[in-house]
Amino acid sequence: MLKLLSRFHKNESGATAIEYGLLAALIGVAIIAGATSVGSNLNTKFSTIATTIQGTPAPAAAH
């Protein structure tokens, strides 16, 4: 029984898996935050372009 407890105490694979899981979650949060920021900036740019296009008169039709 003592040998089993000693072996369990030395086994760190579970802790390593948890660390990798936390690291993956942190990277995921960073990616989501970055994508949200980029998406917001793109939305602003496209809105500006749409407003500019709507304010521009249409070109004369070619005959």
C-alpha atoms as a PDB file:
ATOM      1  CA  MET A   1       0.000   0.000   0.000  1.00  0.00           C
ATOM      2  CA  LEU A   2       2.847   2.362   0.830  1.00  0.00           C
ATOM      3  CA  LYS A   3       4.439   1.593  -2.533  1.00  0.00           C
ATOM      4  CA  LEU A   4       1.167   2.434  -4.301  1.00  0.00           C
ATOM      5  CA  LEU A   5       0.876   5.790  -2.509  1.00  0.00           C
ATOM      6  CA  SER A   6       4.503   6.576  -3.270  1.00  0.00           C
ATOM      7  CA  ARG A   7       4.019   5.806  -6.950  1.00  0.00           C
ATOM      8  CA  PHE A   8       0.818   7.915  -7.031  1.00  0.00           C
ATOM      9  CA  HIS A   9       2.653  10.846  -5.425  1.00  0.00           C
ATOM     10  CA  LYS A  10       5.446  10.707  -8.025  1.00  0.00           C
ATOM     11  CA  ASN A  11       3.045  10.516 -10.986  1.00  0.00           C
ATOM     12  CA  GLU A  12       2.732  14.041 -12.400  1.00  0.00           C
ATOM     13  CA  SER A  13       0.948  13.276 -15.672  1.00  0.00           C
ATOM     14  CA  GLY A  14      -2.403  14.469 -14.315  1.00  0.00           C
ATOM     15  CA  ALA A  15      -0.919  17.793 -13.222  1.00  0.00           C
ATOM     16  CA  THR A  16       0.744  18.176 -16.601  1.00  0.00           C
ATOM     17  CA  ALA A  17      -2.542  17.525 -18.387  1.00  0.00           C
ATOM     18  CA  ILE A  18      -4.261  20.165 -16.261  1.00  0.00           C
ATOM     19  CA  GLU A  19      -1.488  22.656 -17.016  1.00  0.00           C
ATOM     20  CA  TYR A  20      -1.819  22.021 -20.747  1.00  0.00           C
ATOM     21  CA  GLY A  21      -5.587  22.412 -20.464  1.00  0.00           C
ATOM     22  CA  LEU A  22      -5.244  25.751 -18.692  1.00  0.00           C
ATOM     23  CA  LEU A  23      -2.702  26.920 -21.241  1.00  0.00           C
ATOM     24  CA  ALA A  24      -5.009  25.938 -24.115  1.00  0.00           C
ATOM     25  CA  ALA A  25      -7.913  27.771 -22.457  1.00  0.00           C
ATOM     26  CA  LEU A  26      -5.785  30.903 -22.025  1.00  0.00           C
ATOM     27  CA  ILE A  27      -4.717  30.797 -25.672  1.00  0.00           C
ATOM     28  CA  GLY A  28      -8.365  30.354 -26.687  1.00  0.00           C
ATOM     29  CA  VAL A  29      -9.417  33.403 -24.678  1.00  0.00           C
ATOM     30  CA  ALA A  30      -6.624  35.453 -26.265  1.00  0.00           C
ATOM     31  CA  ILE A  31      -7.689  34.367 -29.768  1.00  0.00           C
ATOM     32  CA  ILE A  32     -11.331  35.226 -29.064  1.00  0.00           C
ATOM     33  CA  ALA A  33     -10.384  38.648 -27.679  1.00  0.00           C
ATOM     34  CA  GLY A  34      -8.182  39.369 -30.694  1.00  0.00           C
ATOM     35  CA  ALA A  35     -10.806  38.218 -33.181  1.00  0.00           C
ATOM     36  CA  THR A  36     -13.447  40.356 -31.475  1.00  0.00           C
ATOM     37  CA  SER A  37     -11.204  43.402 -31.665  1.00  0.00           C
ATOM     38  CA  VAL A  38     -10.349  42.793 -35.327  1.00  0.00           C
ATOM     39  CA  GLY A  39     -14.021  42.182 -36.141  1.00  0.00           C
ATOM     40  CA  SER A  40     -15.036  45.421 -34.484  1.00  0.00           C
ATOM     41  CA  ASN A  41     -12.385  47.368 -36.381  1.00  0.00           C
ATOM     42  CA  LEU A  42     -13.420  45.769 -39.677  1.00  0.00           C
ATOM     43  CA  ASN A  43     -17.062  46.606 -39.005  1.00  0.00           C
ATOM     44  CA  THR A  44     -16.122  50.246 -38.468  1.00  0.00           C
ATOM     45  CA  LYS A  45     -14.073  50.333 -41.679  1.00  0.00           C
ATOM     46  CA  PHE A  46     -16.829  48.736 -43.773  1.00  0.00           C
ATOM     47  CA  SER A  47     -19.412  51.120 -42.325  1.00  0.00           C
ATOM     48  CA  THR A  48     -17.198  54.066 -43.273  1.00  0.00           C
ATOM     49  CA  ILE A  49     -16.756  52.697 -46.793  1.00  0.00           C
ATOM     50  CA  ALA A  50     -20.516  52.111 -47.154  1.00  0.00           C
ATOM     51  CA  THR A  51     -21.295  55.649 -46.023  1.00  0.00           C
ATOM     52  CA  THR A  52     -18.748  57.057 -48.464  1.00  0.00           C
ATOM     53  CA  ILE A  53     -20.140  55.004 -51.340  1.00  0.00           C
ATOM     54  CA  GLN A  54     -23.714  56.038 -50.554  1.00  0.00           C
ATOM     55  CA  GLY A  55     -22.719  59.718 -50.623  1.00  0.00           C
ATOM     56  CA  THR A  56     -21.029  59.458 -54.015  1.00  0.00           C
ATOM     57  CA  PRO A  57     -23.194  60.240 -57.055  1.00  0.00           C
ATOM     58  CA  ALA A  58     -23.697  57.420 -59.536  1.00  0.00           C
ATOM     59  CA  PRO A  59     -21.647  57.661 -62.737  1.00  0.00           C
ATOM     60  CA  ALA A  60     -23.455  58.670 -65.923  1.00  0.00           C
ATOM     61  CA  ALA A  61     -24.650  55.757 -68.025  1.00  0.00           C
ATOM     62  CA  ALA A  62     -22.689  55.110 -71.196  1.00  0.00           C
ATOM     63  CA  HIS A  63     -24.693  55.110 -74.443  1.00  0.00           C
END
